[in-house]
Structure formats: structure tokens, C-alpha cells
Protein backbone atom coordinates (compact mmCIF):
# COMPACT_ATOMS: atom_id res chain seq x y z
CA UNK A 1 39.89 -13.70 -36.41
CA UNK A 2 41.95 -13.29 -39.55
CA UNK A 3 42.39 -16.31 -41.81
CA UNK A 4 46.14 -16.30 -41.20
CA UNK A 5 45.57 -16.63 -37.48
CA UNK A 6 42.98 -19.35 -37.97
CA UNK A 7 45.34 -21.23 -40.28
CA UNK A 8 48.06 -20.84 -37.69
CA UNK A 9 45.92 -22.76 -35.22
CA UNK A 10 45.92 -25.80 -37.52
CA UNK A 11 49.67 -26.11 -37.07
CA UNK A 12 48.91 -27.62 -33.68
CA UNK A 13 48.16 -30.93 -35.38
CA UNK A 14 51.81 -31.36 -36.34
CA UNK A 15 53.19 -30.84 -32.85
CA UNK A 16 52.76 -34.43 -31.73
CA UNK A 17 51.21 -33.45 -28.40
CA UNK A 18 48.09 -31.56 -27.40
CA UNK A 19 48.12 -27.83 -26.99
CA UNK A 20 46.81 -27.12 -23.48
CA UNK A 21 44.75 -24.04 -22.59
CA UNK A 22 43.28 -23.36 -19.16
CA UNK A 23 40.76 -20.83 -17.87
CA UNK A 24 40.69 -19.67 -14.26
CA UNK A 25 38.99 -16.93 -12.27
CA UNK A 26 36.44 -16.17 -9.60
CA UNK A 27 32.92 -17.49 -10.00
CA UNK A 28 31.02 -15.35 -12.49
CA UNK A 29 34.13 -14.15 -14.32
CA UNK A 30 32.82 -15.42 -17.68
CA UNK A 31 34.89 -18.57 -18.12
CA UNK A 32 32.07 -20.59 -19.69
CA UNK A 33 31.41 -17.91 -22.32
CA UNK A 34 35.06 -17.70 -23.35
CA UNK A 35 35.55 -21.45 -23.39
CA UNK A 36 32.57 -21.87 -25.72
CA UNK A 37 33.94 -19.19 -28.06
CA UNK A 38 37.35 -20.84 -28.17
CA UNK A 39 35.80 -24.27 -28.76
CA UNK A 40 33.90 -22.99 -31.80
CA UNK A 41 36.97 -21.22 -33.18
CA UNK A 42 39.23 -24.26 -32.85
CA UNK A 43 36.68 -26.68 -34.27
CA UNK A 44 36.14 -24.35 -37.24
CA UNK A 45 39.88 -24.74 -37.84
CA UNK A 46 39.36 -28.50 -38.11
CA UNK A 47 41.00 -29.39 -34.80
CA UNK A 48 39.94 -32.10 -32.39
CA UNK A 49 39.27 -30.43 -29.08
CA UNK A 50 38.76 -32.03 -25.69
CA UNK A 51 37.16 -30.07 -22.85
CA UNK A 52 38.02 -31.15 -19.31
CA UNK A 53 36.24 -29.68 -16.30
CA UNK A 54 38.58 -29.69 -13.33
CA UNK A 55 35.93 -30.34 -10.69
CA UNK A 56 34.31 -33.17 -12.67
CA UNK A 57 37.27 -34.81 -14.44
CA UNK A 58 40.27 -34.23 -12.20
CA UNK A 59 39.46 -33.83 -8.51
CA UNK A 60 39.98 -36.89 -6.34
CA UNK A 61 37.05 -38.17 -4.22
CA UNK A 62 34.73 -35.57 -5.68
CA UNK A 63 31.58 -37.21 -4.33
CA UNK A 64 32.97 -37.45 -0.81
CA UNK A 65 34.10 -33.84 -0.86
CA UNK A 66 30.74 -32.62 -2.12
CA UNK A 67 28.94 -34.68 0.50
CA UNK A 68 31.05 -33.21 3.31
CA UNK A 69 30.36 -29.72 2.00
CA UNK A 70 26.61 -30.29 2.04
CA UNK A 71 26.38 -32.30 5.26
CA UNK A 72 28.97 -30.60 7.45
CA UNK A 73 28.81 -27.01 6.25
CA UNK A 74 25.19 -26.96 5.00
CA UNK A 75 26.22 -25.75 1.58
CA UNK A 76 23.33 -25.38 -0.84
CA UNK A 77 23.39 -27.44 -4.00
CA UNK A 78 23.15 -26.21 -7.56
CA UNK A 79 24.65 -23.32 -9.50
CA UNK A 80 23.55 -19.85 -8.52
CA UNK A 81 21.79 -17.57 -10.97
CA UNK A 82 20.29 -14.07 -10.62
CA UNK A 83 16.82 -15.60 -10.46
CA UNK A 84 17.83 -18.40 -8.09
CA UNK A 85 20.74 -17.47 -5.82
CA UNK A 86 22.32 -20.13 -3.60
CA UNK A 87 24.54 -19.98 -0.54
CA UNK A 88 27.65 -22.06 -1.07
CA UNK A 89 29.84 -23.09 1.85
CA UNK A 90 32.96 -24.92 0.70
CA UNK A 91 36.05 -23.04 -0.48
CA UNK A 92 34.94 -19.98 1.50
CA UNK A 93 35.09 -21.97 4.76
CA UNK A 94 38.38 -21.19 6.47
CA UNK A 95 40.13 -22.72 9.47
CA UNK A 96 43.30 -24.67 10.23
CA UNK A 97 41.53 -27.99 9.80
CA UNK A 98 40.28 -26.98 6.35
CA UNK A 99 43.74 -25.79 5.35
CA UNK A 100 45.24 -29.12 6.40
CA UNK A 101 42.61 -31.03 4.42
CA UNK A 102 43.14 -28.82 1.37
CA UNK A 103 46.90 -29.30 1.41
CA UNK A 104 46.44 -33.07 1.32
CA UNK A 105 43.63 -33.12 -1.26
CA UNK A 106 45.26 -30.56 -3.55
CA UNK A 107 48.40 -32.69 -3.68
CA UNK A 108 46.30 -35.68 -4.77
CA UNK A 109 44.57 -33.52 -7.38
CA UNK A 110 47.93 -32.26 -8.65
CA UNK A 111 49.18 -35.83 -9.12
CA UNK A 112 46.04 -36.84 -10.97
CA UNK A 113 46.12 -33.69 -13.12
CA UNK A 114 49.71 -34.40 -14.09
CA UNK A 115 48.79 -37.95 -15.07
CA UNK A 116 45.87 -36.76 -17.22
CA UNK A 117 47.87 -34.06 -19.01
CA UNK A 118 50.90 -36.26 -19.65
CA UNK A 119 49.12 -39.46 -20.66
CA UNK A 120 45.41 -39.65 -21.36
CA UNK A 121 44.94 -36.32 -23.10
CA UNK A 122 47.93 -36.92 -25.38
CA UNK A 123 46.12 -39.38 -27.66
CA UNK A 124 42.65 -37.94 -27.72
CA UNK A 125 42.86 -34.37 -29.00
CA UNK A 126 44.85 -31.71 -30.80
CA UNK A 127 43.87 -29.17 -28.15
CA UNK A 128 42.84 -29.73 -24.54
CA UNK A 129 40.89 -26.96 -22.81
CA UNK A 130 40.61 -26.97 -19.04
CA UNK A 131 37.64 -25.32 -17.38
CA UNK A 132 39.65 -24.39 -14.26
CA UNK A 133 43.03 -25.79 -13.38
CA UNK A 134 45.13 -26.41 -10.27
CA UNK A 135 45.37 -22.62 -9.95
CA UNK A 136 41.72 -22.46 -8.91
CA UNK A 137 42.50 -24.62 -5.89
CA UNK A 138 45.72 -22.88 -4.95
CA UNK A 139 43.89 -19.55 -4.94
CA UNK A 140 41.95 -20.83 -1.91
CA UNK A 141 45.12 -20.88 0.20
CA UNK A 142 46.75 -18.12 2.23
CA UNK A 143 49.56 -17.08 -0.12
CA UNK A 144 50.91 -14.64 2.46
CA UNK A 145 51.98 -17.57 4.65
CA UNK A 146 55.60 -18.52 3.79
CA UNK A 147 54.97 -22.24 4.35
CA UNK A 148 51.86 -22.17 2.17
CA UNK A 149 53.73 -20.23 -0.50
CA UNK A 150 56.47 -22.87 -0.53
CA UNK A 151 53.81 -25.57 -0.91
CA UNK A 152 52.29 -23.68 -3.84
CA UNK A 153 55.69 -23.42 -5.53
CA UNK A 154 56.11 -27.18 -5.11
CA UNK A 155 52.80 -27.97 -6.79
CA UNK A 156 53.47 -25.50 -9.58
CA UNK A 157 56.71 -27.35 -10.27
CA UNK A 158 54.92 -30.71 -10.23
CA UNK A 159 51.97 -29.89 -12.50
CA UNK A 160 52.57 -29.32 -16.25
CA UNK A 161 52.06 -25.68 -17.11
CA UNK A 162 49.46 -25.03 -19.81
CA UNK A 163 50.63 -23.51 -23.07
CA UNK A 164 48.29 -20.65 -22.26
CA UNK A 165 46.82 -20.23 -18.79
CA UNK A 166 44.17 -17.51 -18.76
CA UNK A 167 43.10 -15.69 -15.63
CA UNK A 168 39.85 -13.89 -16.40
CA UNK A 169 39.81 -10.98 -14.01
CA UNK A 170 36.40 -9.62 -13.04
CA UNK A 171 34.79 -7.04 -10.80
CA UNK A 172 33.51 -9.04 -7.81
CA UNK A 173 30.23 -7.13 -7.69
CA UNK A 174 29.45 -7.79 -11.33
CA UNK A 175 30.58 -11.40 -11.04
CA UNK A 176 28.27 -12.01 -8.09
CA UNK A 177 25.38 -10.40 -9.94
CA UNK A 178 25.84 -12.95 -12.73
CA UNK A 179 26.43 -15.92 -10.44
CA UNK A 180 25.31 -15.32 -6.84
CA UNK A 181 26.84 -18.13 -4.80
CA UNK A 182 29.42 -16.65 -2.46
CA UNK A 183 29.49 -13.53 -0.23
CA UNK A 184 30.84 -10.42 -1.90
CA UNK A 185 33.58 -10.06 0.71
CA UNK A 186 34.87 -13.53 -0.13
CA UNK A 187 34.91 -12.73 -3.85
CA UNK A 188 37.08 -9.69 -3.20
CA UNK A 189 39.47 -11.84 -1.17
CA UNK A 190 39.43 -14.54 -3.83
CA UNK A 191 40.15 -12.08 -6.61
CA UNK A 192 43.16 -10.72 -4.73
CA UNK A 193 44.43 -14.26 -4.23
CA UNK A 194 44.08 -15.06 -7.94
CA UNK A 195 46.01 -11.93 -8.89
CA UNK A 196 48.77 -12.81 -6.42
CA UNK A 197 48.88 -16.35 -7.78
CA UNK A 198 49.19 -15.04 -11.33
CA UNK A 199 52.55 -13.56 -10.36
CA UNK A 200 53.77 -16.98 -9.22
CA UNK A 201 52.37 -19.01 -12.11
CA UNK A 202 52.68 -16.60 -15.07
CA UNK A 203 49.00 -16.76 -15.93
CA UNK A 204 47.91 -14.43 -18.73
CA UNK A 205 45.61 -11.96 -16.99
CA UNK A 206 42.69 -10.69 -19.07
CA UNK A 207 41.34 -7.47 -17.60
CA UNK A 208 37.58 -7.04 -17.04
CA UNK A 209 35.67 -6.06 -20.16
CA UNK A 210 32.79 -6.88 -22.45
CA UNK A 211 32.43 -10.51 -23.50
CA UNK A 212 33.26 -9.82 -27.15
CA UNK A 213 36.35 -7.78 -26.25
CA UNK A 214 37.59 -10.52 -23.95
CA UNK A 215 36.97 -13.13 -26.66
CA UNK A 216 39.10 -11.18 -29.12
CA UNK A 217 41.95 -11.07 -26.61
CA UNK A 218 41.65 -14.79 -25.86
CA UNK A 219 41.65 -15.80 -29.52
CA UNK A 220 44.48 -13.42 -30.32
CA UNK A 221 46.59 -14.91 -27.50
CA UNK A 222 45.98 -18.48 -28.63
CA UNK A 223 46.48 -17.64 -32.31
CA UNK A 224 49.67 -15.74 -31.63
CA UNK A 225 51.06 -18.58 -29.55
CA UNK A 226 50.35 -21.17 -32.23
CA UNK A 227 51.84 -19.07 -35.03
CA UNK A 228 54.99 -17.98 -33.20
CA UNK A 229 55.87 -21.22 -31.48
CA UNK A 230 58.05 -23.93 -33.04
CA UNK A 231 56.30 -27.25 -33.44
CA UNK A 232 58.89 -29.13 -31.39
CA UNK A 233 59.16 -26.63 -28.55
CA UNK A 234 58.65 -28.53 -25.29
CA UNK A 235 57.87 -25.60 -23.01
CA UNK A 236 55.01 -23.06 -22.93
CA UNK A 237 55.25 -19.64 -24.52
CA UNK A 238 56.42 -16.64 -22.55
CA UNK A 239 53.37 -14.85 -21.24
CA UNK A 240 53.04 -11.15 -21.45
């Protein structure tokens, strides 16, 4: 990135509150790669950066939920790789009882996420990066259902919106080849749900592409937001 853009990122220090960036997308979309690139870029600018992983740092009763997934649905443990694929059974399990459980648990997660963004993260970093956000839970719901859609709107109003919320779009076939965990049919459904959710939440959608091309778009978006935004502006930038 150009020096002017990198210098623009350092203006975040004067804002008095952390700049929040989130990454969402189907499994295998390349979130880890882009988060690492952004971490390096921000730290080179001299900023203190905190990385929060939604599943590890935010979700309520994570151990209980993981145990139910493994014991009730026989979900395999670990992270899938091309050399060692796994068969996950958690968010791809559908049914009225699962929807009811998700509505309750996602509300708890939204409350905890709001608390973390508003309080704890404020004093510990110039920039907070989220590896997944509440969007990655809401994408598991049936957004075509009017009642579910109203629920989603409610949670989107409750949870602080990131300054930049990235949705890394990806071809489901290529994503599954990189990270084989869920059936291809589910990934297609999940991708469609993410794209529908992006219309409700104003996520910045990054189209599928090479890792370096995507990185340039991510850094350009963050740099442009930091340069163009007033230090005392309380609301996120307008997404393209």
C-alpha cells in the first residue's frame, strides 16, 4: 500500500475508540489469510491490534455447544484439510428444534458481543479485528421466513456495526477443496444466505479472486475508511 494510505491508518490512534473490522464468509473463503495480511499491515503502521475469534472469544457456553454437536450429531472434531477431510455436523443440521435453540443462543451471543465491543475492547487496542462476527451465525437462519427476518433485524440493531464488515465471497467448490468439512450442497446454501444477509447488514462484499488481489481490496477499503473518516465520527462508514 502507498505510504499515504499507511500513514492514514495511524490516525486511528486519535479517535479515542477502537476501529473495528470483521471478516465473514463460508468455510474456506480465505478469512485467515486476509486477517493475517491486515494484521501485518496495521502493526507495521505502529498500531496496537487485537484479534478476537468469534467462536473462541464471544460465543456463550462454547464447550456445551461443542459437546452437543459431537455427542448428539456425531460431528467429527478438528479442522478439515485437503489431506485430512472431516465431516462436521453442527450449523448444517436443520430442524425446528435447532432453529429454536439457535434463536436463543444467538441472542445471548449478541448481548455478549455488544458488551465486548463497547467495553473490554475499548481500552486494549487501536484496532480490533474479528475473525467472524454475529453475521456468521445469522447466516445459518432461514432469512426467507418473515419472523426470522424480523429477528435478524432486531439483532442487527442490538449489535454494534463494525467500521468495516467484510464478506469474503467464494466459489463453494473451491472453498470446500481448501477446507473440506461440510457438504457442497450446504456450502451453496450457506453462500446464498451470506449474500442475502449482506443486503440487510451492509457488509462489504469482496468478490472471489486470488489471495493477493483480495488483500489489495481489503487494505484499500480499510485505508480509505481511515483517511476519509473524521476522528470523532460515531458511526461506521458508508459501504459501497
